[in-house]
Amino acid sequence: MIRGDGGLFVSGCVPPRFVRTFHVYFPDPWPKKRQRKRRLLDGRFLELLAERLEPGGHLRIATDHPGYAQELAVLLQTVPAFEELDWDAFAAPPPTHYEIKYRTEGRPIRRFLIRRRARS
């Protein structure tokens, strides 16, 4: 586990087609317009993740922020290497602390399971 800038780590330390699965759970949505430049999951970073995933590799994302989920759904479709799968297509990972907390509070949670196409 590493604590640091995810973009810098992935771009500088992870070779292409090296990772089987990336997990990004409950990233800060930075909901205000002026803050959006701070979001981890933007088009550039998603393209980088696609490059670093092995063919058939997965990206799992969860968020409790409905607006962010809607934006992610559109953004993920712009990455040609990605295809969305049903979250339950594979065994789900154990819930995070945040997921348990948010479920208890009754917040809706949007989950994405993305697969890197074998050819792209």
PDB file of N, CA and C in Angstrom:
ATOM      1  N   MET A   1       0.847  -1.153   0.000  1.00  0.00           N
ATOM      2  CA  MET A   1       0.000   0.000   0.000  1.00  0.00           C
ATOM      3  C   MET A   1       0.907   1.234   0.000  1.00  0.00           C
ATOM      4  N   ILE A   2       0.503   2.204  -0.783  1.00  0.00           N
ATOM      5  CA  ILE A   2       1.258   3.451  -0.877  1.00  0.00           C
ATOM      6  C   ILE A   2       0.296   4.613  -0.677  1.00  0.00           C
ATOM      7  N   ARG A   3       0.708   5.572   0.115  1.00  0.00           N
ATOM      8  CA  ARG A   3      -0.075   6.793   0.266  1.00  0.00           C
ATOM      9  C   ARG A   3       0.630   7.887  -0.513  1.00  0.00           C
ATOM     10  N   GLY A   4      -0.061   8.430  -1.500  1.00  0.00           N
ATOM     11  CA  GLY A   4       0.546   9.468  -2.316  1.00  0.00           C
ATOM     12  C   GLY A   4      -0.376   9.826  -3.464  1.00  0.00           C
ATOM     13  N   ASP A   5       0.157  10.560  -4.400  1.00  0.00           N
ATOM     14  CA  ASP A   5      -0.598  10.981  -5.575  1.00  0.00           C
ATOM     15  C   ASP A   5      -0.762   9.789  -6.521  1.00  0.00           C
ATOM     16  N   GLY A   6      -1.999   9.337  -6.675  1.00  0.00           N
ATOM     17  CA  GLY A   6      -2.272   8.167  -7.503  1.00  0.00           C
ATOM     18  C   GLY A   6      -1.834   8.342  -8.939  1.00  0.00           C
ATOM     19  N   GLY A   7      -2.054   9.526  -9.494  1.00  0.00           N
ATOM     20  CA  GLY A   7      -1.656   9.786 -10.875  1.00  0.00           C
ATOM     21  C   GLY A   7      -0.158   9.692 -11.062  1.00  0.00           C
ATOM     22  N   LEU A   8       0.588  10.288 -10.145  1.00  0.00           N
ATOM     23  CA  LEU A   8       2.051  10.234 -10.246  1.00  0.00           C
ATOM     24  C   LEU A   8       2.564   8.809 -10.072  1.00  0.00           C
ATOM     25  N   PHE A   9       1.978   8.085  -9.131  1.00  0.00           N
ATOM     26  CA  PHE A   9       2.424   6.710  -8.904  1.00  0.00           C
ATOM     27  C   PHE A   9       2.148   5.836 -10.125  1.00  0.00           C
ATOM     28  N   VAL A  10       0.928   5.875 -10.615  1.00  0.00           N
ATOM     29  CA  VAL A  10       0.574   5.008 -11.741  1.00  0.00           C
ATOM     30  C   VAL A  10       1.394   5.367 -12.978  1.00  0.00           C
ATOM     31  N   SER A  11       1.535   6.645 -13.274  1.00  0.00           N
ATOM     32  CA  SER A  11       2.278   7.039 -14.482  1.00  0.00           C
ATOM     33  C   SER A  11       3.768   6.768 -14.358  1.00  0.00           C
ATOM     34  N   GLY A  12       4.328   6.910 -13.163  1.00  0.00           N
ATOM     35  CA  GLY A  12       5.772   6.781 -13.015  1.00  0.00           C
ATOM     36  C   GLY A  12       6.280   5.428 -12.571  1.00  0.00           C
ATOM     37  N   CYS A  13       5.427   4.609 -11.971  1.00  0.00           N
ATOM     38  CA  CYS A  13       5.896   3.365 -11.358  1.00  0.00           C
ATOM     39  C   CYS A  13       5.232   2.092 -11.879  1.00  0.00           C
ATOM     40  N   VAL A  14       4.167   2.231 -12.624  1.00  0.00           N
ATOM     41  CA  VAL A  14       3.431   1.047 -13.081  1.00  0.00           C
ATOM     42  C   VAL A  14       3.606   0.908 -14.586  1.00  0.00           C
ATOM     43  N   PRO A  15       4.214  -0.194 -15.033  1.00  0.00           N
ATOM     44  CA  PRO A  15       4.401  -0.367 -16.479  1.00  0.00           C
ATOM     45  C   PRO A  15       3.085  -0.699 -17.189  1.00  0.00           C
ATOM     46  N   PRO A  16       3.033  -0.457 -18.498  1.00  0.00           N
ATOM     47  CA  PRO A  16       1.837  -0.797 -19.270  1.00  0.00           C
ATOM     48  C   PRO A  16       1.498  -2.287 -19.177  1.00  0.00           C
ATOM     49  N   ARG A  17       0.204  -2.561 -19.176  1.00  0.00           N
ATOM     50  CA  ARG A  17      -0.329  -3.931 -19.185  1.00  0.00           C
ATOM     51  C   ARG A  17       0.180  -4.769 -18.014  1.00  0.00           C
ATOM     52  N   PHE A  18       0.316  -4.153 -16.862  1.00  0.00           N
ATOM     53  CA  PHE A  18       0.935  -4.798 -15.699  1.00  0.00           C
ATOM     54  C   PHE A  18      -0.065  -5.173 -14.612  1.00  0.00           C
ATOM     55  N   VAL A  19      -1.165  -4.443 -14.510  1.00  0.00           N
ATOM     56  CA  VAL A  19      -2.076  -4.582 -13.375  1.00  0.00           C
ATOM     57  C   VAL A  19      -3.310  -5.398 -13.775  1.00  0.00           C
ATOM     58  N   ARG A  20      -3.699  -6.307 -12.912  1.00  0.00           N
ATOM     59  CA  ARG A  20      -4.907  -7.107 -13.160  1.00  0.00           C
ATOM     60  C   ARG A  20      -6.164  -6.327 -12.776  1.00  0.00           C
ATOM     61  N   THR A  21      -6.136  -5.629 -11.631  1.00  0.00           N
ATOM     62  CA  THR A  21      -7.322  -4.888 -11.187  1.00  0.00           C
ATOM     63  C   THR A  21      -6.914  -3.629 -10.418  1.00  0.00           C
ATOM     64  N   PHE A  22      -7.543  -2.526 -10.757  1.00  0.00           N
ATOM     65  CA  PHE A  22      -7.454  -1.294  -9.973  1.00  0.00           C
ATOM     66  C   PHE A  22      -8.760  -1.153  -9.202  1.00  0.00           C
ATOM     67  N   HIS A  23      -8.659  -0.731  -7.937  1.00  0.00           N
ATOM     68  CA  HIS A  23      -9.825  -0.485  -7.098  1.00  0.00           C
ATOM     69  C   HIS A  23      -9.809   0.982  -6.692  1.00  0.00           C
ATOM     70  N   VAL A  24     -10.896   1.697  -6.964  1.00  0.00           N
ATOM     71  CA  VAL A  24     -11.021   3.100  -6.564  1.00  0.00           C
ATOM     72  C   VAL A  24     -12.380   3.243  -5.888  1.00  0.00           C
ATOM     73  N   TYR A  25     -12.367   3.284  -4.554  1.00  0.00           N
ATOM     74  CA  TYR A  25     -13.609   3.320  -3.798  1.00  0.00           C
ATOM     75  C   TYR A  25     -13.785   4.653  -3.089  1.00  0.00           C
ATOM     76  N   PHE A  26     -14.890   5.282  -3.363  1.00  0.00           N
ATOM     77  CA  PHE A  26     -15.320   6.513  -2.715  1.00  0.00           C
ATOM     78  C   PHE A  26     -14.270   7.630  -2.816  1.00  0.00           C
ATOM     79  N   PRO A  27     -13.814   7.898  -4.057  1.00  0.00           N
ATOM     80  CA  PRO A  27     -12.876   9.018  -4.220  1.00  0.00           C
ATOM     81  C   PRO A  27     -13.604  10.331  -3.947  1.00  0.00           C
ATOM     82  N   ASP A  28     -12.858  11.321  -3.533  1.00  0.00           N
ATOM     83  CA  ASP A  28     -13.442  12.629  -3.264  1.00  0.00           C
ATOM     84  C   ASP A  28     -14.061  13.154  -4.562  1.00  0.00           C
ATOM     85  N   PRO A  29     -15.356  13.490  -4.553  1.00  0.00           N
ATOM     86  CA  PRO A  29     -15.996  13.946  -5.795  1.00  0.00           C
ATOM     87  C   PRO A  29     -15.681  15.392  -6.158  1.00  0.00           C
ATOM     88  N   TRP A  30     -15.114  16.141  -5.239  1.00  0.00           N
ATOM     89  CA  TRP A  30     -14.842  17.554  -5.476  1.00  0.00           C
ATOM     90  C   TRP A  30     -16.015  18.156  -6.255  1.00  0.00           C
ATOM     91  N   PRO A  31     -17.175  18.299  -5.600  1.00  0.00           N
ATOM     92  CA  PRO A  31     -18.400  18.641  -6.317  1.00  0.00           C
ATOM     93  C   PRO A  31     -18.501  20.069  -6.860  1.00  0.00           C
ATOM     94  N   LYS A  32     -17.775  21.003  -6.282  1.00  0.00           N
ATOM     95  CA  LYS A  32     -17.868  22.376  -6.772  1.00  0.00           C
ATOM     96  C   LYS A  32     -17.106  22.513  -8.095  1.00  0.00           C
ATOM     97  N   LYS A  33     -17.635  23.325  -8.983  1.00  0.00           N
ATOM     98  CA  LYS A  33     -17.056  23.459 -10.316  1.00  0.00           C
ATOM     99  C   LYS A  33     -15.569  23.830 -10.265  1.00  0.00           C
ATOM    100  N   ARG A  34     -15.207  24.720  -9.397  1.00  0.00           N
ATOM    101  CA  ARG A  34     -13.808  25.164  -9.324  1.00  0.00           C
ATOM    102  C   ARG A  34     -12.878  24.080  -8.751  1.00  0.00           C
ATOM    103  N   GLN A  35     -13.453  23.060  -8.108  1.00  0.00           N
ATOM    104  CA  GLN A  35     -12.651  21.990  -7.499  1.00  0.00           C
ATOM    105  C   GLN A  35     -12.442  20.801  -8.427  1.00  0.00           C
ATOM    106  N   ARG A  36     -13.192  20.698  -9.488  1.00  0.00           N
ATOM    107  CA  ARG A  36     -13.190  19.490 -10.324  1.00  0.00           C
ATOM    108  C   ARG A  36     -11.830  19.136 -10.890  1.00  0.00           C
ATOM    109  N   LYS A  37     -10.962  20.123 -11.014  1.00  0.00           N
ATOM    110  CA  LYS A  37      -9.613  19.841 -11.523  1.00  0.00           C
ATOM    111  C   LYS A  37      -8.826  18.950 -10.556  1.00  0.00           C
ATOM    112  N   ARG A  38      -9.305  18.814  -9.323  1.00  0.00           N
ATOM    113  CA  ARG A  38      -8.627  17.986  -8.319  1.00  0.00           C
ATOM    114  C   ARG A  38      -9.067  16.525  -8.335  1.00  0.00           C
ATOM    115  N   ARG A  39     -10.092  16.206  -9.098  1.00  0.00           N
ATOM    116  CA  ARG A  39     -10.602  14.840  -9.123  1.00  0.00           C
ATOM    117  C   ARG A  39      -9.551  13.866  -9.638  1.00  0.00           C
ATOM    118  N   LEU A  40      -9.484  12.723  -8.991  1.00  0.00           N
ATOM    119  CA  LEU A  40      -8.595  11.668  -9.441  1.00  0.00           C
ATOM    120  C   LEU A  40      -9.069  11.097 -10.774  1.00  0.00           C
ATOM    121  N   LEU A  41     -10.352  10.803 -10.860  1.00  0.00           N
ATOM    122  CA  LEU A  41     -10.894  10.130 -12.037  1.00  0.00           C
ATOM    123  C   LEU A  41     -11.347  11.150 -13.077  1.00  0.00           C
ATOM    124  N   ASP A  42     -10.413  11.514 -13.923  1.00  0.00           N
ATOM    125  CA  ASP A  42     -10.740  12.356 -15.067  1.00  0.00           C
ATOM    126  C   ASP A  42     -10.385  11.567 -16.329  1.00  0.00           C
ATOM    127  N   GLY A  43     -10.640  12.129 -17.478  1.00  0.00           N
ATOM    128  CA  GLY A  43     -10.394  11.419 -18.729  1.00  0.00           C
ATOM    129  C   GLY A  43      -8.954  10.973 -18.896  1.00  0.00           C
ATOM    130  N   ARG A  44      -8.032  11.830 -18.538  1.00  0.00           N
ATOM    131  CA  ARG A  44      -6.606  11.500 -18.691  1.00  0.00           C
ATOM    132  C   ARG A  44      -6.200  10.340 -17.785  1.00  0.00           C
ATOM    133  N   PHE A  45      -6.651  10.370 -16.533  1.00  0.00           N
ATOM    134  CA  PHE A  45      -6.282   9.306 -15.610  1.00  0.00           C
ATOM    135  C   PHE A  45      -6.942   7.989 -16.001  1.00  0.00           C
ATOM    136  N   LEU A  46      -8.171   8.028 -16.480  1.00  0.00           N
ATOM    137  CA  LEU A  46      -8.833   6.803 -16.923  1.00  0.00           C
ATOM    138  C   LEU A  46      -8.097   6.184 -18.115  1.00  0.00           C
ATOM    139  N   GLU A  47      -7.631   7.011 -19.034  1.00  0.00           N
ATOM    140  CA  GLU A  47      -6.828   6.504 -20.156  1.00  0.00           C
ATOM    141  C   GLU A  47      -5.538   5.861 -19.643  1.00  0.00           C
ATOM    142  N   LEU A  48      -4.919   6.484 -18.655  1.00  0.00           N
ATOM    143  CA  LEU A  48      -3.704   5.944 -18.059  1.00  0.00           C
ATOM    144  C   LEU A  48      -3.983   4.591 -17.409  1.00  0.00           C
ATOM    145  N   LEU A  49      -5.084   4.481 -16.674  1.00  0.00           N
ATOM    146  CA  LEU A  49      -5.444   3.202 -16.063  1.00  0.00           C
ATOM    147  C   LEU A  49      -5.664   2.139 -17.128  1.00  0.00           C
ATOM    148  N   ALA A  50      -6.305   2.516 -18.218  1.00  0.00           N
ATOM    149  CA  ALA A  50      -6.533   1.557 -19.310  1.00  0.00           C
ATOM    150  C   ALA A  50      -5.206   1.045 -19.863  1.00  0.00           C
ATOM    151  N   GLU A  51      -4.229   1.930 -20.002  1.00  0.00           N
ATOM    152  CA  GLU A  51      -2.899   1.525 -20.497  1.00  0.00           C
ATOM    153  C   GLU A  51      -2.200   0.582 -19.526  1.00  0.00           C
ATOM    154  N   ARG A  52      -2.410   0.789 -18.249  1.00  0.00           N
ATOM    155  CA  ARG A  52      -1.696   0.002 -17.237  1.00  0.00           C
ATOM    156  C   ARG A  52      -2.371  -1.333 -16.926  1.00  0.00           C
ATOM    157  N   LEU A  53      -3.640  -1.473 -17.303  1.00  0.00           N
ATOM    158  CA  LEU A  53      -4.335  -2.745 -17.094  1.00  0.00           C
ATOM    159  C   LEU A  53      -3.909  -3.767 -18.135  1.00  0.00           C
ATOM    160  N   GLU A  54      -3.791  -5.011 -17.701  1.00  0.00           N
ATOM    161  CA  GLU A  54      -3.544  -6.083 -18.656  1.00  0.00           C
ATOM    162  C   GLU A  54      -4.830  -6.303 -19.460  1.00  0.00           C
ATOM    163  N   PRO A  55      -4.738  -6.838 -20.671  1.00  0.00           N
ATOM    164  CA  PRO A  55      -5.960  -7.132 -21.428  1.00  0.00           C
ATOM    165  C   PRO A  55      -6.872  -8.037 -20.598  1.00  0.00           C
ATOM    166  N   GLY A  56      -8.130  -7.657 -20.505  1.00  0.00           N
ATOM    167  CA  GLY A  56      -9.075  -8.386 -19.671  1.00  0.00           C
ATOM    168  C   GLY A  56      -9.053  -7.960 -18.217  1.00  0.00           C
ATOM    169  N   GLY A  57      -8.147  -7.043 -17.857  1.00  0.00           N
ATOM    170  CA  GLY A  57      -8.064  -6.550 -16.488  1.00  0.00           C
ATOM    171  C   GLY A  57      -9.256  -5.676 -16.138  1.00  0.00           C
ATOM    172  N   HIS A  58      -9.425  -5.410 -14.846  1.00  0.00           N
ATOM    173  CA  HIS A  58     -10.612  -4.711 -14.368  1.00  0.00           C
ATOM    174  C   HIS A  58     -10.293  -3.424 -13.609  1.00  0.00           C
ATOM    175  N   LEU A  59     -11.255  -2.538 -13.649  1.00  0.00           N
ATOM    176  CA  LEU A  59     -11.266  -1.321 -12.846  1.00  0.00           C
ATOM    177  C   LEU A  59     -12.581  -1.340 -12.084  1.00  0.00           C
ATOM    178  N   ARG A  60     -12.498  -1.285 -10.758  1.00  0.00           N
ATOM    179  CA  ARG A  60     -13.691  -1.242  -9.914  1.00  0.00           C
ATOM    180  C   ARG A  60     -13.756   0.131  -9.247  1.00  0.00           C
ATOM    181  N   ILE A  61     -14.920   0.756  -9.362  1.00  0.00           N
ATOM    182  CA  ILE A  61     -15.138   2.087  -8.794  1.00  0.00           C
ATOM    183  C   ILE A  61     -16.446   2.065  -8.019  1.00  0.00           C
ATOM    184  N   ALA A  62     -16.476   2.733  -6.864  1.00  0.00           N
ATOM    185  CA  ALA A  62     -17.712   2.918  -6.112  1.00  0.00           C
ATOM    186  C   ALA A  62     -17.769   4.352  -5.616  1.00  0.00           C
ATOM    187  N   THR A  63     -18.960   4.929  -5.670  1.00  0.00           N
ATOM    188  CA  THR A  63     -19.161   6.285  -5.158  1.00  0.00           C
ATOM    189  C   THR A  63     -20.558   6.401  -4.566  1.00  0.00           C
ATOM    190  N   ASP A  64     -20.676   7.259  -3.568  1.00  0.00           N
ATOM    191  CA  ASP A  64     -21.972   7.542  -2.963  1.00  0.00           C
ATOM    192  C   ASP A  64     -22.504   8.886  -3.428  1.00  0.00           C
ATOM    193  N   HIS A  65     -21.808   9.528  -4.338  1.00  0.00           N
ATOM    194  CA  HIS A  65     -22.193  10.859  -4.800  1.00  0.00           C
ATOM    195  C   HIS A  65     -22.916  10.728  -6.147  1.00  0.00           C
ATOM    196  N   PRO A  66     -24.247  10.919  -6.181  1.00  0.00           N
ATOM    197  CA  PRO A  66     -25.013  10.679  -7.407  1.00  0.00           C
ATOM    198  C   PRO A  66     -24.547  11.497  -8.616  1.00  0.00           C
ATOM    199  N   GLY A  67     -24.229  12.768  -8.406  1.00  0.00           N
ATOM    200  CA  GLY A  67     -23.772  13.605  -9.518  1.00  0.00           C
ATOM    201  C   GLY A  67     -22.463  13.114 -10.098  1.00  0.00           C
ATOM    202  N   TYR A  68     -21.560  12.745  -9.232  1.00  0.00           N
ATOM    203  CA  TYR A  68     -20.257  12.214  -9.666  1.00  0.00           C
ATOM    204  C   TYR A  68     -20.457  10.900 -10.418  1.00  0.00           C
ATOM    205  N   ALA A  69     -21.365  10.058  -9.922  1.00  0.00           N
ATOM    206  CA  ALA A  69     -21.639   8.782 -10.581  1.00  0.00           C
ATOM    207  C   ALA A  69     -22.148   9.008 -12.002  1.00  0.00           C
ATOM    208  N   GLN A  70     -23.039   9.974 -12.177  1.00  0.00           N
ATOM    209  CA  GLN A  70     -23.552  10.271 -13.518  1.00  0.00           C
ATOM    210  C   GLN A  70     -22.433  10.735 -14.437  1.00  0.00           C
ATOM    211  N   GLU A  71     -21.570  11.595 -13.934  1.00  0.00           N
ATOM    212  CA  GLU A  71     -20.458  12.086 -14.750  1.00  0.00           C
ATOM    213  C   GLU A  71     -19.483  10.961 -15.089  1.00  0.00           C
ATOM    214  N   LEU A  72     -19.218  10.090 -14.124  1.00  0.00           N
ATOM    215  CA  LEU A  72     -18.325   8.952 -14.377  1.00  0.00           C
ATOM    216  C   LEU A  72     -18.901   8.013 -15.426  1.00  0.00           C
ATOM    217  N   ALA A  73     -20.211   7.774 -15.367  1.00  0.00           N
ATOM    218  CA  ALA A  73     -20.841   6.875 -16.337  1.00  0.00           C
ATOM    219  C   ALA A  73     -20.598   7.374 -17.764  1.00  0.00           C
ATOM    220  N   VAL A  74     -20.706   8.669 -17.966  1.00  0.00           N
ATOM    221  CA  VAL A  74     -20.467   9.249 -19.287  1.00  0.00           C
ATOM    222  C   VAL A  74     -18.982   9.210 -19.627  1.00  0.00           C
ATOM    223  N   LEU A  75     -18.142   9.594 -18.686  1.00  0.00           N
ATOM    224  CA  LEU A  75     -16.701   9.661 -18.904  1.00  0.00           C
ATOM    225  C   LEU A  75     -16.106   8.297 -19.233  1.00  0.00           C
ATOM    226  N   LEU A  76     -16.551   7.268 -18.549  1.00  0.00           N
ATOM    227  CA  LEU A  76     -16.031   5.926 -18.796  1.00  0.00           C
ATOM    228  C   LEU A  76     -16.325   5.453 -20.218  1.00  0.00           C
ATOM    229  N   GLN A  77     -17.416   5.920 -20.793  1.00  0.00           N
ATOM    230  CA  GLN A  77     -17.764   5.541 -22.164  1.00  0.00           C
ATOM    231  C   GLN A  77     -16.850   6.184 -23.194  1.00  0.00           C
ATOM    232  N   THR A  78     -16.084   7.195 -22.800  1.00  0.00           N
ATOM    233  CA  THR A  78     -15.193   7.868 -23.741  1.00  0.00           C
ATOM    234  C   THR A  78     -13.841   7.173 -23.872  1.00  0.00           C
ATOM    235  N   VAL A  79     -13.591   6.153 -23.050  1.00  0.00           N
ATOM    236  CA  VAL A  79     -12.324   5.425 -23.100  1.00  0.00           C
ATOM    237  C   VAL A  79     -12.543   4.178 -23.956  1.00  0.00           C
ATOM    238  N   PRO A  80     -12.022   4.170 -25.192  1.00  0.00           N
ATOM    239  CA  PRO A  80     -12.300   3.067 -26.112  1.00  0.00           C
ATOM    240  C   PRO A  80     -11.857   1.699 -25.597  1.00  0.00           C
ATOM    241  N   ALA A  81     -10.841   1.657 -24.756  1.00  0.00           N
ATOM    242  CA  ALA A  81     -10.327   0.380 -24.257  1.00  0.00           C
ATOM    243  C   ALA A  81     -11.233  -0.246 -23.203  1.00  0.00           C
ATOM    244  N   PHE A  82     -12.211   0.503 -22.699  1.00  0.00           N
ATOM    245  CA  PHE A  82     -13.051   0.029 -21.605  1.00  0.00           C
ATOM    246  C   PHE A  82     -14.409  -0.471 -22.088  1.00  0.00           C
ATOM    247  N   GLU A  83     -14.895  -1.490 -21.400  1.00  0.00           N
ATOM    248  CA  GLU A  83     -16.284  -1.922 -21.553  1.00  0.00           C
ATOM    249  C   GLU A  83     -16.834  -2.147 -20.156  1.00  0.00           C
ATOM    250  N   GLU A  84     -18.077  -1.715 -19.945  1.00  0.00           N
ATOM    251  CA  GLU A  84     -18.684  -1.860 -18.615  1.00  0.00           C
ATOM    252  C   GLU A  84     -19.343  -3.227 -18.483  1.00  0.00           C
ATOM    253  N   LEU A  85     -19.149  -3.832 -17.337  1.00  0.00           N
ATOM    254  CA  LEU A  85     -19.770  -5.107 -16.999  1.00  0.00           C
ATOM    255  C   LEU A  85     -20.714  -4.895 -15.823  1.00  0.00           C
ATOM    256  N   ASP A  86     -21.573  -5.857 -15.583  1.00  0.00           N
ATOM    257  CA  ASP A  86     -22.417  -5.829 -14.404  1.00  0.00           C
ATOM    258  C   ASP A  86     -21.538  -6.054 -13.175  1.00  0.00           C
ATOM    259  N   TRP A  87     -21.739  -5.266 -12.122  1.00  0.00           N
ATOM    260  CA  TRP A  87     -20.915  -5.355 -10.912  1.00  0.00           C
ATOM    261  C   TRP A  87     -20.837  -6.783 -10.386  1.00  0.00           C
ATOM    262  N   ASP A  88     -21.915  -7.532 -10.536  1.00  0.00           N
ATOM    263  CA  ASP A  88     -21.973  -8.890 -10.005  1.00  0.00           C
ATOM    264  C   ASP A  88     -21.440  -9.947 -10.969  1.00  0.00           C
ATOM    265  N   ALA A  89     -20.811  -9.523 -12.062  1.00  0.00           N
ATOM    266  CA  ALA A  89     -20.270 -10.487 -13.029  1.00  0.00           C
ATOM    267  C   ALA A  89     -19.167 -11.332 -12.401  1.00  0.00           C
ATOM    268  N   PHE A  90     -18.482 -10.796 -11.409  1.00  0.00           N
ATOM    269  CA  PHE A  90     -17.435 -11.499 -10.675  1.00  0.00           C
ATOM    270  C   PHE A  90     -17.693 -11.292  -9.191  1.00  0.00           C
ATOM    271  N   ALA A  91     -17.101 -12.117  -8.381  1.00  0.00           N
ATOM    272  CA  ALA A  91     -17.271 -11.972  -6.932  1.00  0.00           C
ATOM    273  C   ALA A  91     -16.860 -10.568  -6.506  1.00  0.00           C
ATOM    274  N   ALA A  92     -17.727  -9.935  -5.754  1.00  0.00           N
ATOM    275  CA  ALA A  92     -17.447  -8.571  -5.290  1.00  0.00           C
ATOM    276  C   ALA A  92     -16.439  -8.610  -4.151  1.00  0.00           C
ATOM    277  N   PRO A  93     -15.614  -7.582  -4.053  1.00  0.00           N
ATOM    278  CA  PRO A  93     -14.691  -7.505  -2.917  1.00  0.00           C
ATOM    279  C   PRO A  93     -15.463  -7.214  -1.633  1.00  0.00           C
ATOM    280  N   PRO A  94     -14.837  -7.429  -0.491  1.00  0.00           N
ATOM    281  CA  PRO A  94     -15.519  -7.099   0.772  1.00  0.00           C
ATOM    282  C   PRO A  94     -15.837  -5.602   0.812  1.00  0.00           C
ATOM    283  N   PRO A  95     -16.904  -5.215   1.507  1.00  0.00           N
ATOM    284  CA  PRO A  95     -17.252  -3.799   1.574  1.00  0.00           C
ATOM    285  C   PRO A  95     -16.212  -3.019   2.367  1.00  0.00           C
ATOM    286  N   THR A  96     -16.005  -1.782   1.952  1.00  0.00           N
ATOM    287  CA  THR A  96     -15.095  -0.907   2.683  1.00  0.00           C
ATOM    288  C   THR A  96     -15.817  -0.327   3.899  1.00  0.00           C
ATOM    289  N   HIS A  97     -15.048   0.295   4.760  1.00  0.00           N
ATOM    290  CA  HIS A  97     -15.627   0.977   5.926  1.00  0.00           C
ATOM    291  C   HIS A  97     -16.651   2.011   5.462  1.00  0.00           C
ATOM    292  N   TYR A  98     -16.282   2.785   4.432  1.00  0.00           N
ATOM    293  CA  TYR A  98     -17.194   3.811   3.932  1.00  0.00           C
ATOM    294  C   TYR A  98     -18.473   3.191   3.377  1.00  0.00           C
ATOM    295  N   GLU A  99     -18.338   2.092   2.655  1.00  0.00           N
ATOM    296  CA  GLU A  99     -19.532   1.458   2.098  1.00  0.00           C
ATOM    297  C   GLU A  99     -20.483   1.011   3.218  1.00  0.00           C
ATOM    298  N   ILE A 100     -19.956   0.413   4.240  1.00  0.00           N
ATOM    299  CA  ILE A 100     -20.786  -0.026   5.366  1.00  0.00           C
ATOM    300  C   ILE A 100     -21.467   1.185   6.013  1.00  0.00           C
ATOM    301  N   LYS A 101     -20.700   2.223   6.245  1.00  0.00           N
ATOM    302  CA  LYS A 101     -21.230   3.440   6.865  1.00  0.00           C
ATOM    303  C   LYS A 101     -22.323   4.068   5.994  1.00  0.00           C
ATOM    304  N   TYR A 102     -22.056   4.191   4.694  1.00  0.00           N
ATOM    305  CA  TYR A 102     -23.010   4.846   3.804  1.00  0.00           C
ATOM    306  C   TYR A 102     -24.274   4.013   3.619  1.00  0.00           C
ATOM    307  N   ARG A 103     -24.132   2.705   3.573  1.00  0.00           N
ATOM    308  CA  ARG A 103     -25.318   1.843   3.475  1.00  0.00           C
ATOM    309  C   ARG A 103     -26.192   2.000   4.711  1.00  0.00           C
ATOM    310  N   THR A 104     -25.548   2.052   5.884  1.00  0.00           N
ATOM    311  CA  THR A 104     -26.286   2.236   7.137  1.00  0.00           C
ATOM    312  C   THR A 104     -27.044   3.561   7.129  1.00  0.00           C
ATOM    313  N   GLU A 105     -26.438   4.581   6.529  1.00  0.00           N
ATOM    314  CA  GLU A 105     -27.087   5.896   6.426  1.00  0.00           C
ATOM    315  C   GLU A 105     -28.154   5.932   5.338  1.00  0.00           C
ATOM    316  N   GLY A 106     -28.244   4.885   4.533  1.00  0.00           N
ATOM    317  CA  GLY A 106     -29.240   4.831   3.467  1.00  0.00           C
ATOM    318  C   GLY A 106     -28.832   5.525   2.188  1.00  0.00           C
ATOM    319  N   ARG A 107     -27.564   5.848   2.063  1.00  0.00           N
ATOM    320  CA  ARG A 107     -27.095   6.505   0.838  1.00  0.00           C
ATOM    321  C   ARG A 107     -27.052   5.493  -0.310  1.00  0.00           C
ATOM    322  N   PRO A 108     -27.468   5.912  -1.493  1.00  0.00           N
ATOM    323  CA  PRO A 108     -27.324   5.015  -2.644  1.00  0.00           C
ATOM    324  C   PRO A 108     -25.854   4.938  -3.055  1.00  0.00           C
ATOM    325  N   ILE A 109     -25.420   3.762  -3.417  1.00  0.00           N
ATOM    326  CA  ILE A 109     -24.034   3.572  -3.845  1.00  0.00           C
ATOM    327  C   ILE A 109     -24.038   3.104  -5.289  1.00  0.00           C
ATOM    328  N   ARG A 110     -23.296   3.796  -6.128  1.00  0.00           N
ATOM    329  CA  ARG A 110     -23.165   3.426  -7.540  1.00  0.00           C
ATOM    330  C   ARG A 110     -21.825   2.743  -7.713  1.00  0.00           C
ATOM    331  N   ARG A 111     -21.871   1.557  -8.315  1.00  0.00           N
ATOM    332  CA  ARG A 111     -20.651   0.774  -8.528  1.00  0.00           C
ATOM    333  C   ARG A 111     -20.434   0.578 -10.022  1.00  0.00           C
ATOM    334  N   PHE A 112     -19.174   0.597 -10.405  1.00  0.00           N
ATOM    335  CA  PHE A 112     -18.797   0.351 -11.795  1.00  0.00           C
ATOM    336  C   PHE A 112     -17.788  -0.789 -11.823  1.00  0.00           C
ATOM    337  N   LEU A 113     -18.004  -1.724 -12.719  1.00  0.00           N
ATOM    338  CA  LEU A 113     -17.015  -2.751 -13.012  1.00  0.00           C
ATOM    339  C   LEU A 113     -16.688  -2.594 -14.480  1.00  0.00           C
ATOM    340  N   ILE A 114     -15.453  -2.254 -14.751  1.00  0.00           N
ATOM    341  CA  ILE A 114     -14.988  -1.966 -16.099  1.00  0.00           C
ATOM    342  C   ILE A 114     -13.922  -2.992 -16.470  1.00  0.00           C
ATOM    343  N   ARG A 115     -13.984  -3.482 -17.701  1.00  0.00           N
ATOM    344  CA  ARG A 115     -12.958  -4.411 -18.173  1.00  0.00           C
ATOM    345  C   ARG A 115     -12.221  -3.767 -19.337  1.00  0.00           C
ATOM    346  N   ARG A 116     -10.901  -3.956 -19.329  1.00  0.00           N
ATOM    347  CA  ARG A 116     -10.092  -3.522 -20.467  1.00  0.00           C
ATOM    348  C   ARG A 116     -10.273  -4.542 -21.566  1.00  0.00           C
ATOM    349  N   ARG A 117     -10.669  -4.063 -22.712  1.00  0.00           N
ATOM    350  CA  ARG A 117     -10.872  -4.954 -23.858  1.00  0.00           C
ATOM    351  C   ARG A 117      -9.558  -5.658 -24.194  1.00  0.00           C
ATOM    352  N   ALA A 118      -9.675  -6.861 -24.705  1.00  0.00           N
ATOM    353  CA  ALA A 118      -8.484  -7.626 -25.064  1.00  0.00           C
ATOM    354  C   ALA A 118      -7.719  -6.950 -26.188  1.00  0.00           C
ATOM    355  N   ARG A 119      -8.438  -6.306 -27.084  1.00  0.00           N
ATOM    356  CA  ARG A 119      -7.791  -5.571 -28.187  1.00  0.00           C
ATOM    357  C   ARG A 119      -8.298  -4.135 -28.174  1.00  0.00           C
ATOM    358  N   SER A 120      -7.350  -3.211 -28.128  1.00  0.00           N
ATOM    359  CA  SER A 120      -7.723  -1.806 -28.195  1.00  0.00           C
ATOM    360  C   SER A 120      -6.523  -0.985 -28.582  1.00  0.00           C
TER     361      SER A 120
END
